[in-house]
PDB file of N, CA and C in Angstrom:
ATOM      1  N   UNK A   1     155.597 156.564 143.243  1.00  0.00           N
ATOM      2  CA  UNK A   1     154.324 156.511 142.551  1.00  0.00           C
ATOM      3  C   UNK A   1     154.087 155.081 142.065  1.00  0.00           C
ATOM      4  N   UNK A   2     152.979 154.535 142.446  1.00  0.00           N
ATOM      5  CA  UNK A   2     152.626 153.176 142.045  1.00  0.00           C
ATOM      6  C   UNK A   2     151.965 153.218 140.670  1.00  0.00           C
ATOM      7  N   UNK A   3     152.522 152.463 139.725  1.00  0.00           N
ATOM      8  CA  UNK A   3     152.027 152.490 138.349  1.00  0.00           C
ATOM      9  C   UNK A   3     150.572 152.056 138.263  1.00  0.00           C
ATOM     10  N   UNK A   4     150.204 151.053 139.024  1.00  0.00           N
ATOM     11  CA  UNK A   4     148.851 150.501 138.907  1.00  0.00           C
ATOM     12  C   UNK A   4     147.796 151.393 139.546  1.00  0.00           C
ATOM     13  N   UNK A   5     148.216 152.375 140.344  1.00  0.00           N
ATOM     14  CA  UNK A   5     147.251 153.305 140.932  1.00  0.00           C
ATOM     15  C   UNK A   5     147.182 154.609 140.146  1.00  0.00           C
ATOM     16  N   UNK A   6     147.880 154.663 139.040  1.00  0.00           N
ATOM     17  CA  UNK A   6     147.888 155.859 138.205  1.00  0.00           C
ATOM     18  C   UNK A   6     146.518 156.002 137.538  1.00  0.00           C
ATOM     19  N   UNK A   7     145.914 157.175 137.673  1.00  0.00           N
ATOM     20  CA  UNK A   7     144.575 157.382 137.120  1.00  0.00           C
ATOM     21  C   UNK A   7     144.577 157.426 135.597  1.00  0.00           C
ATOM     22  N   UNK A   8     145.730 157.668 134.994  1.00  0.00           N
ATOM     23  CA  UNK A   8     145.810 157.763 133.538  1.00  0.00           C
ATOM     24  C   UNK A   8     146.166 156.441 132.866  1.00  0.00           C
ATOM     25  N   UNK A   9     146.400 155.393 133.647  1.00  0.00           N
ATOM     26  CA  UNK A   9     146.822 154.116 133.079  1.00  0.00           C
ATOM     27  C   UNK A   9     145.831 153.557 132.053  1.00  0.00           C
ATOM     28  N   UNK A  10     144.515 153.558 132.301  1.00  0.00           N
ATOM     29  CA  UNK A  10     143.597 153.053 131.263  1.00  0.00           C
ATOM     30  C   UNK A  10     143.701 153.839 129.957  1.00  0.00           C
ATOM     31  N   UNK A  11     143.908 155.132 130.055  1.00  0.00           N
ATOM     32  CA  UNK A  11     144.078 155.950 128.854  1.00  0.00           C
ATOM     33  C   UNK A  11     145.350 155.595 128.112  1.00  0.00           C
ATOM     34  N   UNK A  12     146.436 155.379 128.864  1.00  0.00           N
ATOM     35  CA  UNK A  12     147.697 154.979 128.238  1.00  0.00           C
ATOM     36  C   UNK A  12     147.547 153.644 127.524  1.00  0.00           C
ATOM     37  N   UNK A  13     146.862 152.712 128.155  1.00  0.00           N
ATOM     38  CA  UNK A  13     146.661 151.394 127.548  1.00  0.00           C
ATOM     39  C   UNK A  13     145.815 151.531 126.286  1.00  0.00           C
ATOM     40  N   UNK A  14     144.754 152.322 126.347  1.00  0.00           N
ATOM     41  CA  UNK A  14     143.892 152.521 125.183  1.00  0.00           C
ATOM     42  C   UNK A  14     144.657 153.168 124.027  1.00  0.00           C
ATOM     43  N   UNK A  15     145.437 154.190 124.327  1.00  0.00           N
ATOM     44  CA  UNK A  15     146.231 154.849 123.287  1.00  0.00           C
ATOM     45  C   UNK A  15     147.244 153.873 122.698  1.00  0.00           C
ATOM     46  N   UNK A  16     147.867 153.055 123.532  1.00  0.00           N
ATOM     47  CA  UNK A  16     148.820 152.067 123.046  1.00  0.00           C
ATOM     48  C   UNK A  16     148.175 151.042 122.135  1.00  0.00           C
ATOM     49  N   UNK A  17     146.997 150.571 122.510  1.00  0.00           N
ATOM     50  CA  UNK A  17     146.291 149.587 121.681  1.00  0.00           C
ATOM     51  C   UNK A  17     145.884 150.208 120.344  1.00  0.00           C
ATOM     52  N   UNK A  18     145.395 151.440 120.366  1.00  0.00           N
ATOM     53  CA  UNK A  18     144.997 152.114 119.126  1.00  0.00           C
ATOM     54  C   UNK A  18     146.212 152.338 118.227  1.00  0.00           C
ATOM     55  N   UNK A  19     147.334 152.768 118.806  1.00  0.00           N
ATOM     56  CA  UNK A  19     148.541 152.968 118.007  1.00  0.00           C
ATOM     57  C   UNK A  19     149.045 151.658 117.421  1.00  0.00           C
ATOM     58  N   UNK A  20     148.999 150.590 118.200  1.00  0.00           N
ATOM     59  CA  UNK A  20     149.410 149.283 117.690  1.00  0.00           C
ATOM     60  C   UNK A  20     148.506 148.855 116.539  1.00  0.00           C
ATOM     61  N   UNK A  21     147.203 149.059 116.693  1.00  0.00           N
ATOM     62  CA  UNK A  21     146.261 148.706 115.628  1.00  0.00           C
ATOM     63  C   UNK A  21     146.556 149.508 114.363  1.00  0.00           C
ATOM     64  N   UNK A  22     146.828 150.817 114.520  1.00  0.00           N
ATOM     65  CA  UNK A  22     147.129 151.651 113.357  1.00  0.00           C
ATOM     66  C   UNK A  22     148.411 151.212 112.666  1.00  0.00           C
ATOM     67  N   UNK A  23     149.437 150.890 113.454  1.00  0.00           N
ATOM     68  CA  UNK A  23     150.710 150.452 112.869  1.00  0.00           C
ATOM     69  C   UNK A  23     150.508 149.165 112.091  1.00  0.00           C
ATOM     70  N   UNK A  24     149.788 148.222 112.662  1.00  0.00           N
ATOM     71  CA  UNK A  24     149.556 146.962 111.961  1.00  0.00           C
ATOM     72  C   UNK A  24     148.694 147.169 110.721  1.00  0.00           C
ATOM     73  N   UNK A  25     147.747 148.071 110.807  1.00  0.00           N
ATOM     74  CA  UNK A  25     146.836 148.325 109.684  1.00  0.00           C
ATOM     75  C   UNK A  25     147.548 149.044 108.543  1.00  0.00           C
ATOM     76  N   UNK A  26     148.431 149.967 108.885  1.00  0.00           N
ATOM     77  CA  UNK A  26     149.103 150.785 107.880  1.00  0.00           C
ATOM     78  C   UNK A  26     150.486 150.265 107.518  1.00  0.00           C
ATOM     79  N   UNK A  27     150.837 149.097 108.024  1.00  0.00           N
ATOM     80  CA  UNK A  27     152.181 148.568 107.816  1.00  0.00           C
ATOM     81  C   UNK A  27     152.498 148.420 106.331  1.00  0.00           C
ATOM     82  N   UNK A  28     151.571 147.894 105.559  1.00  0.00           N
ATOM     83  CA  UNK A  28     151.820 147.685 104.134  1.00  0.00           C
ATOM     84  C   UNK A  28     151.998 149.015 103.407  1.00  0.00           C
ATOM     85  N   UNK A  29     151.192 149.995 103.746  1.00  0.00           N
ATOM     86  CA  UNK A  29     151.314 151.304 103.104  1.00  0.00           C
ATOM     87  C   UNK A  29     152.636 151.972 103.467  1.00  0.00           C
ATOM     88  N   UNK A  30     153.055 151.827 104.718  1.00  0.00           N
ATOM     89  CA  UNK A  30     154.322 152.421 105.146  1.00  0.00           C
ATOM     90  C   UNK A  30     155.484 151.751 104.425  1.00  0.00           C
ATOM     91  N   UNK A  31     155.445 150.436 104.299  1.00  0.00           N
ATOM     92  CA  UNK A  31     156.500 149.721 103.585  1.00  0.00           C
ATOM     93  C   UNK A  31     156.515 150.153 102.122  1.00  0.00           C
ATOM     94  N   UNK A  32     155.337 150.296 101.508  1.00  0.00           N
ATOM     95  CA  UNK A  32     155.268 150.775 100.127  1.00  0.00           C
ATOM     96  C   UNK A  32     155.869 152.172 100.000  1.00  0.00           C
ATOM     97  N   UNK A  33     155.566 153.032 100.957  1.00  0.00           N
ATOM     98  CA  UNK A  33     156.128 154.375 100.916  1.00  0.00           C
ATOM     99  C   UNK A  33     157.645 154.348 101.006  1.00  0.00           C
ATOM    100  N   UNK A  34     158.180 153.589 101.961  1.00  0.00           N
ATOM    101  CA  UNK A  34     159.631 153.533 102.141  1.00  0.00           C
ATOM    102  C   UNK A  34     160.322 152.941 100.924  1.00  0.00           C
ATOM    103  N   UNK A  35     159.792 151.844 100.403  1.00  0.00           N
ATOM    104  CA  UNK A  35     160.385 151.239  99.212  1.00  0.00           C
ATOM    105  C   UNK A  35     160.252 152.162  98.005  1.00  0.00           C
ATOM    106  N   UNK A  36     159.132 152.842  97.905  1.00  0.00           N
ATOM    107  CA  UNK A  36     158.933 153.771  96.796  1.00  0.00           C
ATOM    108  C   UNK A  36     159.918 154.920  96.823  1.00  0.00           C
ATOM    109  N   UNK A  37     160.146 155.498  97.995  1.00  0.00           N
ATOM    110  CA  UNK A  37     161.107 156.590  98.091  1.00  0.00           C
ATOM    111  C   UNK A  37     162.526 156.099  97.832  1.00  0.00           C
ATOM    112  N   UNK A  38     162.868 154.913  98.320  1.00  0.00           N
ATOM    113  CA  UNK A  38     164.198 154.357  98.057  1.00  0.00           C
ATOM    114  C   UNK A  38     164.392 154.133  96.560  1.00  0.00           C
ATOM    115  N   UNK A  39     163.392 153.592  95.903  1.00  0.00           N
ATOM    116  CA  UNK A  39     163.466 153.368  94.459  1.00  0.00           C
ATOM    117  C   UNK A  39     163.554 154.694  93.708  1.00  0.00           C
ATOM    118  N   UNK A  40     162.837 155.694  94.166  1.00  0.00           N
ATOM    119  CA  UNK A  40     162.863 156.996  93.508  1.00  0.00           C
ATOM    120  C   UNK A  40     164.254 157.615  93.572  1.00  0.00           C
ATOM    121  N   UNK A  41     164.909 157.531  94.715  1.00  0.00           N
ATOM    122  CA  UNK A  41     166.243 158.108  94.827  1.00  0.00           C
ATOM    123  C   UNK A  41     167.253 157.334  93.995  1.00  0.00           C
ATOM    124  N   UNK A  42     167.043 156.038  93.816  1.00  0.00           N
ATOM    125  CA  UNK A  42     167.955 155.250  92.989  1.00  0.00           C
ATOM    126  C   UNK A  42     167.770 155.549  91.506  1.00  0.00           C
ATOM    127  N   UNK A  43     166.547 155.779  91.078  1.00  0.00           N
ATOM    128  CA  UNK A  43     166.271 155.942  89.651  1.00  0.00           C
ATOM    129  C   UNK A  43     166.355 157.385  89.171  1.00  0.00           C
ATOM    130  N   UNK A  44     166.189 158.338  90.043  1.00  0.00           N
ATOM    131  CA  UNK A  44     166.302 159.728  89.628  1.00  0.00           C
ATOM    132  C   UNK A  44     164.979 160.465  89.627  1.00  0.00           C
ATOM    133  N   UNK A  45     165.033 161.698  89.128  1.00  0.00           N
ATOM    134  CA  UNK A  45     163.916 162.627  89.246  1.00  0.00           C
ATOM    135  C   UNK A  45     162.629 162.192  88.550  1.00  0.00           C
ATOM    136  N   UNK A  46     162.624 161.727  87.294  1.00  0.00           N
ATOM    137  CA  UNK A  46     161.343 161.371  86.670  1.00  0.00           C
ATOM    138  C   UNK A  46     160.609 160.275  87.439  1.00  0.00           C
ATOM    139  N   UNK A  47     161.360 159.333  87.957  1.00  0.00           N
ATOM    140  CA  UNK A  47     160.737 158.244  88.701  1.00  0.00           C
ATOM    141  C   UNK A  47     160.264 158.710  90.068  1.00  0.00           C
ATOM    142  N   UNK A  48     160.874 159.765  90.599  1.00  0.00           N
ATOM    143  CA  UNK A  48     160.469 160.251  91.923  1.00  0.00           C
ATOM    144  C   UNK A  48     159.012 160.683  91.925  1.00  0.00           C
ATOM    145  N   UNK A  49     158.622 161.390  90.892  1.00  0.00           N
ATOM    146  CA  UNK A  49     157.241 161.865  90.828  1.00  0.00           C
ATOM    147  C   UNK A  49     156.266 160.701  90.722  1.00  0.00           C
ATOM    148  N   UNK A  50     156.572 159.741  89.847  1.00  0.00           N
ATOM    149  CA  UNK A  50     155.688 158.591  89.687  1.00  0.00           C
ATOM    150  C   UNK A  50     155.647 157.740  90.950  1.00  0.00           C
ATOM    151  N   UNK A  51     156.798 157.560  91.571  1.00  0.00           N
ATOM    152  CA  UNK A  51     156.848 156.753  92.786  1.00  0.00           C
ATOM    153  C   UNK A  51     156.111 157.452  93.920  1.00  0.00           C
ATOM    154  N   UNK A  52     156.261 158.769  94.003  1.00  0.00           N
ATOM    155  CA  UNK A  52     155.547 159.510  95.034  1.00  0.00           C
ATOM    156  C   UNK A  52     154.044 159.389  94.822  1.00  0.00           C
ATOM    157  N   UNK A  53     153.617 159.475  93.561  1.00  0.00           N
ATOM    158  CA  UNK A  53     152.195 159.341  93.262  1.00  0.00           C
ATOM    159  C   UNK A  53     151.692 157.948  93.630  1.00  0.00           C
ATOM    160  N   UNK A  54     152.462 156.916  93.278  1.00  0.00           N
ATOM    161  CA  UNK A  54     152.055 155.553  93.620  1.00  0.00           C
ATOM    162  C   UNK A  54     152.027 155.359  95.134  1.00  0.00           C
ATOM    163  N   UNK A  55     153.002 155.927  95.832  1.00  0.00           N
ATOM    164  CA  UNK A  55     153.031 155.809  97.287  1.00  0.00           C
ATOM    165  C   UNK A  55     151.825 156.497  97.911  1.00  0.00           C
ATOM    166  N   UNK A  56     151.471 157.637  97.362  1.00  0.00           N
ATOM    167  CA  UNK A  56     150.297 158.345  97.864  1.00  0.00           C
ATOM    168  C   UNK A  56     149.035 157.528  97.625  1.00  0.00           C
ATOM    169  N   UNK A  57     148.918 156.949  96.436  1.00  0.00           N
ATOM    170  CA  UNK A  57     147.756 156.116  96.142  1.00  0.00           C
ATOM    171  C   UNK A  57     147.738 154.870  97.019  1.00  0.00           C
ATOM    172  N   UNK A  58     148.915 154.287  97.253  1.00  0.00           N
ATOM    173  CA  UNK A  58     148.981 153.096  98.096  1.00  0.00           C
ATOM    174  C   UNK A  58     148.588 153.432  99.530  1.00  0.00           C
ATOM    175  N   UNK A  59     149.013 154.597 100.001  1.00  0.00           N
ATOM    176  CA  UNK A  59     148.687 154.988 101.371  1.00  0.00           C
ATOM    177  C   UNK A  59     147.190 155.236 101.536  1.00  0.00           C
ATOM    178  N   UNK A  60     146.548 155.696 100.481  1.00  0.00           N
ATOM    179  CA  UNK A  60     145.112 155.946 100.574  1.00  0.00           C
ATOM    180  C   UNK A  60     144.286 154.724 100.204  1.00  0.00           C
ATOM    181  N   UNK A  61     144.948 153.666  99.738  1.00  0.00           N
ATOM    182  CA  UNK A  61     144.237 152.444  99.406  1.00  0.00           C
ATOM    183  C   UNK A  61     143.705 152.411  97.984  1.00  0.00           C
ATOM    184  N   UNK A  62     144.028 153.423  97.189  1.00  0.00           N
ATOM    185  CA  UNK A  62     143.516 153.485  95.824  1.00  0.00           C
ATOM    186  C   UNK A  62     144.371 152.685  94.845  1.00  0.00           C
ATOM    187  N   UNK A  63     145.647 152.471  95.181  1.00  0.00           N
ATOM    188  CA  UNK A  63     146.542 151.778  94.250  1.00  0.00           C
ATOM    189  C   UNK A  63     146.162 150.312  94.108  1.00  0.00           C
ATOM    190  N   UNK A  64     145.627 149.709  95.141  1.00  0.00           N
ATOM    191  CA  UNK A  64     145.258 148.297  95.069  1.00  0.00           C
ATOM    192  C   UNK A  64     144.173 148.089  94.018  1.00  0.00           C
ATOM    193  N   UNK A  65     143.211 148.984  93.961  1.00  0.00           N
ATOM    194  CA  UNK A  65     142.163 148.871  92.961  1.00  0.00           C
ATOM    195  C   UNK A  65     142.689 149.078  91.556  1.00  0.00           C
ATOM    196  N   UNK A  66     143.659 149.976  91.408  1.00  0.00           N
ATOM    197  CA  UNK A  66     144.246 150.228  90.092  1.00  0.00           C
ATOM    198  C   UNK A  66     145.040 149.016  89.640  1.00  0.00           C
ATOM    199  N   UNK A  67     145.817 148.427  90.556  1.00  0.00           N
ATOM    200  CA  UNK A  67     146.643 147.281  90.196  1.00  0.00           C
ATOM    201  C   UNK A  67     145.788 146.062  89.861  1.00  0.00           C
ATOM    202  N   UNK A  68     144.628 145.931  90.486  1.00  0.00           N
ATOM    203  CA  UNK A  68     143.775 144.778  90.212  1.00  0.00           C
ATOM    204  C   UNK A  68     143.176 144.848  88.818  1.00  0.00           C
ATOM    205  N   UNK A  69     142.946 146.052  88.305  1.00  0.00           N
ATOM    206  CA  UNK A  69     142.339 146.207  86.988  1.00  0.00           C
ATOM    207  C   UNK A  69     143.321 145.929  85.860  1.00  0.00           C
ATOM    208  N   UNK A  70     144.604 146.037  86.134  1.00  0.00           N
ATOM    209  CA  UNK A  70     145.615 145.857  85.080  1.00  0.00           C
ATOM    210  C   UNK A  70     145.728 144.399  84.714  1.00  0.00           C
TER     211      UNK A  70
END
């Protein structure tokens, strides 16, 4: 099977470009989530809830507005 004659190749390329764009766009939120969960496990249960909430806000883009007001 010749790769360049594959009828699905344009779709694969489009999906790859969209996934790459999403990864680059959400990279900061993903890093915030990972660091937040790591910090939560180090600090214990009370911090887990707050860190999870901050990670959720960061993933939705709401935490940036909150941090700017402080």
